[in-house]
Full PDB file with SEQRES, HELIX, SHEET, SSBOND, CRYST1, ORIGX, SCALE, CONECT and MASTER records, all heavy atoms in Angstrom:
SEQRES   1 A   35  ALA VAL GLU VAL THR LEU PHE PRO PRO ASP ARG ARG ARG          
SEQRES   2 A   35  ARG ASP VAL ASP ASN ALA LEU LYS ALA MET LEU ASP SER          
SEQRES   3 A   35  VAL GLY LYS GLY GLY ALA TYR LEU ASP                          
HELIX    1 AA1 VAL A   16  ALA A   19  5                                   4    
HELIX    2 AA2 LEU A   20  LYS A   29  1                                  10    
CRYST1    1.000    1.000    1.000  90.00  90.00  90.00 P 1           1          
ORIGX1      1.000000  0.000000  0.000000        0.00000                         
ORIGX2      0.000000  1.000000  0.000000        0.00000                         
ORIGX3      0.000000  0.000000  1.000000        0.00000                         
SCALE1      1.000000  0.000000  0.000000        0.00000                         
SCALE2      0.000000  1.000000  0.000000        0.00000                         
SCALE3      0.000000  0.000000  1.000000        0.00000                         
ATOM      1  N   ALA A   1      42.596  52.900  78.736  1.00  0.00           N  
ATOM      2  CA  ALA A   1      43.663  53.482  77.799  1.00  0.00           C  
ATOM      3  C   ALA A   1      43.607  52.668  76.571  1.00  0.00           C  
ATOM      4  O   ALA A   1      43.607  51.424  76.639  1.00  0.00           O  
ATOM      5  CB  ALA A   1      44.984  53.490  78.520  1.00  0.00           C  
ATOM      6  N   VAL A   2      43.664  53.384  75.459  1.00  0.00           N  
ATOM      7  CA  VAL A   2      43.634  52.750  74.119  1.00  0.00           C  
ATOM      8  C   VAL A   2      44.795  53.337  73.287  1.00  0.00           C  
ATOM      9  O   VAL A   2      44.980  54.463  73.244  1.00  0.00           O  
ATOM     10  CB  VAL A   2      42.276  53.024  73.448  1.00  0.00           C  
ATOM     11  CG1 VAL A   2      42.332  52.487  71.916  1.00  0.00           C  
ATOM     12  CG2 VAL A   2      41.076  52.503  74.238  1.00  0.00           C  
ATOM     13  N   GLU A   3      45.514  52.333  72.669  1.00  0.00           N  
ATOM     14  CA  GLU A   3      46.548  52.792  71.740  1.00  0.00           C  
ATOM     15  C   GLU A   3      46.244  52.075  70.457  1.00  0.00           C  
ATOM     16  O   GLU A   3      46.095  50.849  70.352  1.00  0.00           O  
ATOM     17  CB  GLU A   3      47.904  52.300  72.221  1.00  0.00           C  
ATOM     18  CG  GLU A   3      48.972  52.789  71.251  1.00  0.00           C  
ATOM     19  CD  GLU A   3      50.406  52.576  71.831  1.00  0.00           C  
ATOM     20  OE1 GLU A   3      50.582  52.544  73.025  1.00  0.00           O  
ATOM     21  OE2 GLU A   3      51.477  52.606  71.008  1.00  0.00           O  
ATOM     22  N   VAL A   4      46.216  52.960  69.408  1.00  0.00           N  
ATOM     23  CA  VAL A   4      45.909  52.516  68.088  1.00  0.00           C  
ATOM     24  C   VAL A   4      47.019  52.789  67.100  1.00  0.00           C  
ATOM     25  O   VAL A   4      47.648  53.921  67.122  1.00  0.00           O  
ATOM     26  CB  VAL A   4      44.536  53.316  67.468  1.00  0.00           C  
ATOM     27  CG1 VAL A   4      44.296  52.911  66.016  1.00  0.00           C  
ATOM     28  CG2 VAL A   4      43.392  53.113  68.312  1.00  0.00           C  
ATOM     29  N   THR A   5      47.588  51.804  66.322  1.00  0.00           N  
ATOM     30  CA  THR A   5      48.451  52.012  65.255  1.00  0.00           C  
ATOM     31  C   THR A   5      47.714  51.734  63.930  1.00  0.00           C  
ATOM     32  O   THR A   5      47.240  50.671  63.649  1.00  0.00           O  
ATOM     33  CB  THR A   5      49.743  51.096  65.469  1.00  0.00           C  
ATOM     34  OG1 THR A   5      50.185  51.294  66.710  1.00  0.00           O  
ATOM     35  CG2 THR A   5      50.685  51.417  64.370  1.00  0.00           C  
ATOM     36  N   LEU A   6      47.763  52.716  63.122  1.00  0.00           N  
ATOM     37  CA  LEU A   6      47.069  52.598  61.813  1.00  0.00           C  
ATOM     38  C   LEU A   6      48.161  52.311  60.680  1.00  0.00           C  
ATOM     39  O   LEU A   6      49.145  53.011  60.522  1.00  0.00           O  
ATOM     40  CB  LEU A   6      46.365  53.836  61.476  1.00  0.00           C  
ATOM     41  CG  LEU A   6      45.079  54.217  62.367  1.00  0.00           C  
ATOM     42  CD1 LEU A   6      44.712  55.714  62.079  1.00  0.00           C  
ATOM     43  CD2 LEU A   6      44.063  53.360  62.125  1.00  0.00           C  
ATOM     44  N   PHE A   7      47.813  51.236  59.912  1.00  0.00           N  
ATOM     45  CA  PHE A   7      48.685  50.892  58.872  1.00  0.00           C  
ATOM     46  C   PHE A   7      47.911  51.135  57.687  1.00  0.00           C  
ATOM     47  O   PHE A   7      47.147  50.241  57.166  1.00  0.00           O  
ATOM     48  CB  PHE A   7      49.172  49.357  58.983  1.00  0.00           C  
ATOM     49  CG  PHE A   7      49.882  49.055  60.256  1.00  0.00           C  
ATOM     50  CD1 PHE A   7      49.189  48.586  61.377  1.00  0.00           C  
ATOM     51  CD2 PHE A   7      51.284  49.334  60.289  1.00  0.00           C  
ATOM     52  CE1 PHE A   7      49.874  48.362  62.518  1.00  0.00           C  
ATOM     53  CE2 PHE A   7      51.821  49.025  61.509  1.00  0.00           C  
ATOM     54  CZ  PHE A   7      51.224  48.523  62.628  1.00  0.00           C  
ATOM     55  N   PRO A   8      48.082  52.313  56.946  1.00  0.00           N  
ATOM     56  CA  PRO A   8      47.335  52.587  55.820  1.00  0.00           C  
ATOM     57  C   PRO A   8      47.511  51.771  54.559  1.00  0.00           C  
ATOM     58  O   PRO A   8      48.659  51.150  54.508  1.00  0.00           O  
ATOM     59  CB  PRO A   8      47.662  54.079  55.531  1.00  0.00           C  
ATOM     60  CG  PRO A   8      48.975  54.329  56.179  1.00  0.00           C  
ATOM     61  CD  PRO A   8      49.061  53.233  57.346  1.00  0.00           C  
ATOM     62  N   PRO A   9      46.536  51.455  53.782  1.00  0.00           N  
ATOM     63  CA  PRO A   9      46.736  50.640  52.601  1.00  0.00           C  
ATOM     64  C   PRO A   9      47.476  51.244  51.471  1.00  0.00           C  
ATOM     65  O   PRO A   9      47.926  50.496  50.473  1.00  0.00           O  
ATOM     66  CB  PRO A   9      45.190  50.488  52.071  1.00  0.00           C  
ATOM     67  CG  PRO A   9      44.523  51.685  52.620  1.00  0.00           C  
ATOM     68  CD  PRO A   9      45.139  52.146  53.874  1.00  0.00           C  
ATOM     69  N   ASP A  10      47.751  52.622  51.500  1.00  0.00           N  
ATOM     70  CA  ASP A  10      48.468  53.232  50.272  1.00  0.00           C  
ATOM     71  C   ASP A  10      49.120  54.560  50.888  1.00  0.00           C  
ATOM     72  O   ASP A  10      48.907  54.885  52.096  1.00  0.00           O  
ATOM     73  CB  ASP A  10      47.685  53.485  49.140  1.00  0.00           C  
ATOM     74  CG  ASP A  10      46.392  54.251  49.450  1.00  0.00           C  
ATOM     75  OD1 ASP A  10      46.527  55.250  50.180  1.00  0.00           O  
ATOM     76  OD2 ASP A  10      45.321  53.834  48.846  1.00  0.00           O  
ATOM     77  N   ARG A  11      49.775  55.384  50.187  1.00  0.00           N  
ATOM     78  CA  ARG A  11      50.463  56.491  50.598  1.00  0.00           C  
ATOM     79  C   ARG A  11      49.659  57.772  50.410  1.00  0.00           C  
ATOM     80  O   ARG A  11      50.105  58.964  50.709  1.00  0.00           O  
ATOM     81  CB  ARG A  11      51.812  56.730  49.780  1.00  0.00           C  
ATOM     82  CG  ARG A  11      52.761  55.583  50.060  1.00  0.00           C  
ATOM     83  CD  ARG A  11      54.210  55.883  49.786  1.00  0.00           C  
ATOM     84  NE  ARG A  11      55.060  54.911  50.023  1.00  0.00           N  
ATOM     85  CZ  ARG A  11      55.543  54.580  51.228  1.00  0.00           C  
ATOM     86  NH1 ARG A  11      55.114  55.224  52.234  1.00  0.00           N  
ATOM     87  NH2 ARG A  11      56.441  53.562  51.316  1.00  0.00           N  
ATOM     88  N   ARG A  12      48.295  57.679  50.103  1.00  0.00           N  
ATOM     89  CA  ARG A  12      47.411  58.892  50.059  1.00  0.00           C  
ATOM     90  C   ARG A  12      47.468  59.623  51.455  1.00  0.00           C  
ATOM     91  O   ARG A  12      47.631  58.968  52.435  1.00  0.00           O  
ATOM     92  CB  ARG A  12      46.005  58.444  49.693  1.00  0.00           C  
ATOM     93  CG  ARG A  12      45.884  58.262  48.261  1.00  0.00           C  
ATOM     94  CD  ARG A  12      44.417  57.995  47.923  1.00  0.00           C  
ATOM     95  NE  ARG A  12      44.039  56.638  48.487  1.00  0.00           N  
ATOM     96  CZ  ARG A  12      42.867  56.247  48.566  1.00  0.00           C  
ATOM     97  NH1 ARG A  12      41.802  57.016  48.234  1.00  0.00           N  
ATOM     98  NH2 ARG A  12      42.498  55.124  49.020  1.00  0.00           N  
ATOM     99  N   ARG A  13      47.244  60.880  51.456  1.00  0.00           N  
ATOM    100  CA  ARG A  13      47.191  61.673  52.650  1.00  0.00           C  
ATOM    101  C   ARG A  13      45.931  61.383  53.314  1.00  0.00           C  
ATOM    102  O   ARG A  13      44.819  61.201  52.813  1.00  0.00           O  
ATOM    103  CB  ARG A  13      47.219  63.152  52.330  1.00  0.00           C  
ATOM    104  CG  ARG A  13      48.418  63.627  51.784  1.00  0.00           C  
ATOM    105  CD  ARG A  13      48.378  65.165  51.412  1.00  0.00           C  
ATOM    106  NE  ARG A  13      47.915  65.851  52.622  1.00  0.00           N  
ATOM    107  CZ  ARG A  13      47.884  67.191  52.685  1.00  0.00           C  
ATOM    108  NH1 ARG A  13      48.340  67.905  51.598  1.00  0.00           N  
ATOM    109  NH2 ARG A  13      47.549  67.792  53.767  1.00  0.00           N  
ATOM    110  N   ARG A  14      46.010  60.971  54.615  1.00  0.00           N  
ATOM    111  CA  ARG A  14      44.937  60.705  55.515  1.00  0.00           C  
ATOM    112  C   ARG A  14      45.050  61.316  56.824  1.00  0.00           C  
ATOM    113  O   ARG A  14      46.240  61.392  57.333  1.00  0.00           O  
ATOM    114  CB  ARG A  14      44.876  59.150  55.659  1.00  0.00           C  
ATOM    115  CG  ARG A  14      44.395  58.364  54.546  1.00  0.00           C  
ATOM    116  CD  ARG A  14      44.357  56.931  54.943  1.00  0.00           C  
ATOM    117  NE  ARG A  14      43.696  56.041  53.910  1.00  0.00           N  
ATOM    118  CZ  ARG A  14      44.184  55.671  52.830  1.00  0.00           C  
ATOM    119  NH1 ARG A  14      45.459  55.891  52.538  1.00  0.00           N  
ATOM    120  NH2 ARG A  14      43.490  55.005  51.954  1.00  0.00           N  
ATOM    121  N   ASP A  15      43.968  61.825  57.497  1.00  0.00           N  
ATOM    122  CA  ASP A  15      44.102  62.265  58.826  1.00  0.00           C  
ATOM    123  C   ASP A  15      43.730  61.081  59.679  1.00  0.00           C  
ATOM    124  O   ASP A  15      42.824  60.507  59.609  1.00  0.00           O  
ATOM    125  CB  ASP A  15      42.968  63.378  59.010  1.00  0.00           C  
ATOM    126  CG  ASP A  15      43.134  64.650  58.211  1.00  0.00           C  
ATOM    127  OD1 ASP A  15      44.293  64.793  57.634  1.00  0.00           O  
ATOM    128  OD2 ASP A  15      42.240  65.326  57.991  1.00  0.00           O  
ATOM    129  N   VAL A  16      44.632  60.957  60.670  1.00  0.00           N  
ATOM    130  CA  VAL A  16      44.476  59.682  61.440  1.00  0.00           C  
ATOM    131  C   VAL A  16      43.218  59.756  62.328  1.00  0.00           C  
ATOM    132  O   VAL A  16      42.526  58.848  62.651  1.00  0.00           O  
ATOM    133  CB  VAL A  16      45.629  59.326  62.436  1.00  0.00           C  
ATOM    134  CG1 VAL A  16      46.937  58.906  61.544  1.00  0.00           C  
ATOM    135  CG2 VAL A  16      46.078  60.505  63.328  1.00  0.00           C  
ATOM    136  N   ASP A  17      42.803  61.052  62.744  1.00  0.00           N  
ATOM    137  CA  ASP A  17      41.726  61.105  63.627  1.00  0.00           C  
ATOM    138  C   ASP A  17      40.391  60.708  62.859  1.00  0.00           C  
ATOM    139  O   ASP A  17      39.308  60.339  63.410  1.00  0.00           O  
ATOM    140  CB  ASP A  17      41.632  62.480  64.124  1.00  0.00           C  
ATOM    141  CG  ASP A  17      41.453  63.588  63.126  1.00  0.00           C  
ATOM    142  OD1 ASP A  17      42.188  63.550  62.105  1.00  0.00           O  
ATOM    143  OD2 ASP A  17      40.696  64.570  63.354  1.00  0.00           O  
ATOM    144  N   ASN A  18      40.347  60.878  61.508  1.00  0.00           N  
ATOM    145  CA  ASN A  18      39.149  60.425  60.733  1.00  0.00           C  
ATOM    146  C   ASN A  18      38.916  58.963  60.774  1.00  0.00           C  
ATOM    147  O   ASN A  18      37.831  58.531  60.469  1.00  0.00           O  
ATOM    148  CB  ASN A  18      39.319  60.856  59.269  1.00  0.00           C  
ATOM    149  CG  ASN A  18      39.015  62.300  59.084  1.00  0.00           C  
ATOM    150  OD1 ASN A  18      38.393  62.909  59.925  1.00  0.00           O  
ATOM    151  ND2 ASN A  18      39.361  62.831  57.981  1.00  0.00           N  
ATOM    152  N   ALA A  19      39.822  58.165  61.083  1.00  0.00           N  
ATOM    153  CA  ALA A  19      39.634  56.666  61.239  1.00  0.00           C  
ATOM    154  C   ALA A  19      39.176  56.282  62.638  1.00  0.00           C  
ATOM    155  O   ALA A  19      38.668  55.170  62.718  1.00  0.00           O  
ATOM    156  CB  ALA A  19      41.028  55.983  60.890  1.00  0.00           C  
ATOM    157  N   LEU A  20      39.280  57.105  63.556  1.00  0.00           N  
ATOM    158  CA  LEU A  20      38.973  56.652  64.995  1.00  0.00           C  
ATOM    159  C   LEU A  20      37.639  56.423  65.274  1.00  0.00           C  
ATOM    160  O   LEU A  20      37.269  55.399  65.831  1.00  0.00           O  
ATOM    161  CB  LEU A  20      39.572  57.697  65.914  1.00  0.00           C  
ATOM    162  CG  LEU A  20      40.997  57.781  66.064  1.00  0.00           C  
ATOM    163  CD1 LEU A  20      41.478  58.828  67.025  1.00  0.00           C  
ATOM    164  CD2 LEU A  20      41.701  56.369  66.475  1.00  0.00           C  
ATOM    165  N   LYS A  21      36.699  57.189  64.766  1.00  0.00           N  
ATOM    166  CA  LYS A  21      35.277  57.084  65.179  1.00  0.00           C  
ATOM    167  C   LYS A  21      34.671  55.750  64.814  1.00  0.00           C  
ATOM    168  O   LYS A  21      34.122  55.034  65.511  1.00  0.00           O  
ATOM    169  CB  LYS A  21      34.439  58.270  64.568  1.00  0.00           C  
ATOM    170  CG  LYS A  21      32.977  58.264  65.012  1.00  0.00           C  
ATOM    171  CD  LYS A  21      32.845  58.449  66.515  1.00  0.00           C  
ATOM    172  CE  LYS A  21      31.422  58.469  66.908  1.00  0.00           C  
ATOM    173  NZ  LYS A  21      31.247  58.256  68.344  1.00  0.00           N  
ATOM    174  N   ALA A  22      34.940  55.436  63.434  1.00  0.00           N  
ATOM    175  CA  ALA A  22      34.453  54.089  62.969  1.00  0.00           C  
ATOM    176  C   ALA A  22      35.116  52.978  63.842  1.00  0.00           C  
ATOM    177  O   ALA A  22      34.320  52.007  64.159  1.00  0.00           O  
ATOM    178  CB  ALA A  22      34.623  53.958  61.488  1.00  0.00           C  
ATOM    179  N   MET A  23      36.301  53.047  64.115  1.00  0.00           N  
ATOM    180  CA  MET A  23      37.003  51.924  64.723  1.00  0.00           C  
ATOM    181  C   MET A  23      36.532  51.874  66.142  1.00  0.00           C  
ATOM    182  O   MET A  23      36.104  50.687  66.662  1.00  0.00           O  
ATOM    183  CB  MET A  23      38.457  52.102  64.800  1.00  0.00           C  
ATOM    184  CG  MET A  23      39.237  50.914  65.306  1.00  0.00           C  
ATOM    185  SD  MET A  23      41.003  50.960  65.605  1.00  0.00           S  
ATOM    186  CE  MET A  23      41.358  52.052  64.266  1.00  0.00           C  
ATOM    187  N   LEU A  24      36.501  52.927  66.879  1.00  0.00           N  
ATOM    188  CA  LEU A  24      36.066  52.923  68.318  1.00  0.00           C  
ATOM    189  C   LEU A  24      34.707  52.587  68.446  1.00  0.00           C  
ATOM    190  O   LEU A  24      34.269  51.750  69.440  1.00  0.00           O  
ATOM    191  CB  LEU A  24      36.370  54.161  69.057  1.00  0.00           C  
ATOM    192  CG  LEU A  24      37.790  54.539  69.120  1.00  0.00           C  
ATOM    193  CD1 LEU A  24      37.975  55.935  69.790  1.00  0.00           C  
ATOM    194  CD2 LEU A  24      38.619  53.484  69.852  1.00  0.00           C  
ATOM    195  N   ASP A  25      33.795  53.014  67.495  1.00  0.00           N  
ATOM    196  CA  ASP A  25      32.392  52.607  67.624  1.00  0.00           C  
ATOM    197  C   ASP A  25      32.215  51.054  67.396  1.00  0.00           C  
ATOM    198  O   ASP A  25      31.476  50.502  68.119  1.00  0.00           O  
ATOM    199  CB  ASP A  25      31.708  53.332  66.558  1.00  0.00           C  
ATOM    200  CG  ASP A  25      30.671  54.366  66.979  1.00  0.00           C  
ATOM    201  OD1 ASP A  25      30.727  54.836  68.147  1.00  0.00           O  
ATOM    202  OD2 ASP A  25      29.829  54.795  66.169  1.00  0.00           O  
ATOM    203  N   SER A  26      32.880  50.567  66.427  1.00  0.00           N  
ATOM    204  CA  SER A  26      32.842  49.216  66.067  1.00  0.00           C  
ATOM    205  C   SER A  26      33.427  48.287  67.132  1.00  0.00           C  
ATOM    206  O   SER A  26      32.702  47.163  67.434  1.00  0.00           O  
ATOM    207  CB  SER A  26      33.536  48.924  64.741  1.00  0.00           C  
ATOM    208  OG  SER A  26      32.919  49.691  63.743  1.00  0.00           O  
ATOM    209  N   VAL A  27      34.381  48.668  67.729  1.00  0.00           N  
ATOM    210  CA  VAL A  27      35.061  47.790  68.779  1.00  0.00           C  
ATOM    211  C   VAL A  27      34.106  47.810  69.915  1.00  0.00           C  
ATOM    212  O   VAL A  27      33.906  46.760  70.642  1.00  0.00           O  
ATOM    213  CB  VAL A  27      36.386  48.369  69.221  1.00  0.00           C  
ATOM    214  CG1 VAL A  27      36.901  47.798  70.548  1.00  0.00           C  
ATOM    215  CG2 VAL A  27      37.506  48.162  68.057  1.00  0.00           C  
ATOM    216  N   GLY A  28      33.415  48.983  70.348  1.00  0.00           N  
ATOM    217  CA  GLY A  28      32.443  49.017  71.319  1.00  0.00           C  
ATOM    218  C   GLY A  28      31.320  48.098  71.044  1.00  0.00           C  
ATOM    219  O   GLY A  28      30.787  47.241  71.797  1.00  0.00           O  
ATOM    220  N   LYS A  29      30.688  48.225  69.761  1.00  0.00           N  
ATOM    221  CA  LYS A  29      29.552  47.318  69.416  1.00  0.00           C  
ATOM    222  C   LYS A  29      29.968  45.868  69.370  1.00  0.00           C  
ATOM    223  O   LYS A  29      29.077  45.064  69.528  1.00  0.00           O  
ATOM    224  CB  LYS A  29      29.099  47.805  67.987  1.00  0.00           C  
ATOM    225  CG  LYS A  29      28.616  49.099  67.962  1.00  0.00           C  
ATOM    226  CD  LYS A  29      27.198  49.354  68.496  1.00  0.00           C  
ATOM    227  CE  LYS A  29      26.674  50.683  68.236  1.00  0.00           C  
ATOM    228  NZ  LYS A  29      25.670  51.073  69.331  1.00  0.00           N  
ATOM    229  N   GLY A  30      31.283  45.659  69.072  1.00  0.00           N  
ATOM    230  CA  GLY A  30      31.743  44.255  68.983  1.00  0.00           C  
ATOM    231  C   GLY A  30      31.921  43.645  70.519  1.00  0.00           C  
ATOM    232  O   GLY A  30      32.146  42.425  70.612  1.00  0.00           O  
ATOM    233  N   GLY A  31      31.723  44.477  71.546  1.00  0.00           N  
ATOM    234  CA  GLY A  31      31.895  43.928  72.845  1.00  0.00           C  
ATOM    235  C   GLY A  31      33.072  44.079  73.641  1.00  0.00           C  
ATOM    236  O   GLY A  31      33.246  43.468  74.774  1.00  0.00           O  
ATOM    237  N   ALA A  32      34.061  44.915  73.064  1.00  0.00           N  
ATOM    238  CA  ALA A  32      35.339  45.133  73.910  1.00  0.00           C  
ATOM    239  C   ALA A  32      35.070  45.958  75.159  1.00  0.00           C  
ATOM    240  O   ALA A  32      35.869  45.665  76.024  1.00  0.00           O  
ATOM    241  CB  ALA A  32      36.412  45.674  72.982  1.00  0.00           C  
ATOM    242  N   TYR A  33      34.236  46.836  75.061  1.00  0.00           N  
ATOM    243  CA  TYR A  33      33.873  47.676  76.229  1.00  0.00           C  
ATOM    244  C   TYR A  33      32.483  48.113  76.163  1.00  0.00           C  
ATOM    245  O   TYR A  33      31.746  47.901  75.140  1.00  0.00           O  
ATOM    246  CB  TYR A  33      34.799  48.861  76.404  1.00  0.00           C  
ATOM    247  CG  TYR A  33      35.150  49.622  74.994  1.00  0.00           C  
ATOM    248  CD1 TYR A  33      34.204  50.489  74.420  1.00  0.00           C  
ATOM    249  CD2 TYR A  33      36.268  49.529  74.439  1.00  0.00           C  
ATOM    250  CE1 TYR A  33      34.462  51.057  73.277  1.00  0.00           C  
ATOM    251  CE2 TYR A  33      36.639  50.210  73.306  1.00  0.00           C  
ATOM    252  CZ  TYR A  33      35.671  50.969  72.655  1.00  0.00           C  
ATOM    253  OH  TYR A  33      35.888  51.586  71.484  1.00  0.00           O  
ATOM    254  N   LEU A  34      31.893  48.637  77.193  1.00  0.00           N  
ATOM    255  CA  LEU A  34      30.546  49.071  77.184  1.00  0.00           C  
ATOM    256  C   LEU A  34      30.193  50.299  76.367  1.00  0.00           C  
ATOM    257  O   LEU A  34      29.208  50.301  75.693  1.00  0.00           O  
ATOM    258  CB  LEU A  34      30.091  49.278  78.603  1.00  0.00           C  
ATOM    259  CG  LEU A  34      30.231  48.059  79.538  1.00  0.00           C  
ATOM    260  CD1 LEU A  34      29.938  48.430  81.061  1.00  0.00           C  
ATOM    261  CD2 LEU A  34      29.401  46.868  79.144  1.00  0.00           C  
ATOM    262  N   ASP A  35      31.093  51.175  76.400  1.00  0.00           N  
ATOM    263  CA  ASP A  35      30.902  52.511  75.721  1.00  0.00           C  
ATOM    264  C   ASP A  35      32.167  53.185  75.548  1.00  0.00           C  
ATOM    265  O   ASP A  35      33.039  53.079  76.458  1.00  0.00           O  
ATOM    266  CB  ASP A  35      29.929  53.380  76.550  1.00  0.00           C  
ATOM    267  CG  ASP A  35      29.402  54.608  75.796  1.00  0.00           C  
ATOM    268  OD1 ASP A  35      28.520  54.482  74.978  1.00  0.00           O  
ATOM    269  OD2 ASP A  35      30.116  55.673  75.953  1.00  0.00           O  
TER     270      ASP A  35                                                      
MASTER        0    0    0    2    0    0    0    6  269    1    0    3          
END                                                                             
């Protein structure tokens, strides 16, 4: 189970789902989980 809280750098419109792929990929490559 993963809970993510995104703290954006500014007030521009952003889709939160667009940030997930890079983060989850990187956390996996960083060794937090296998896949």
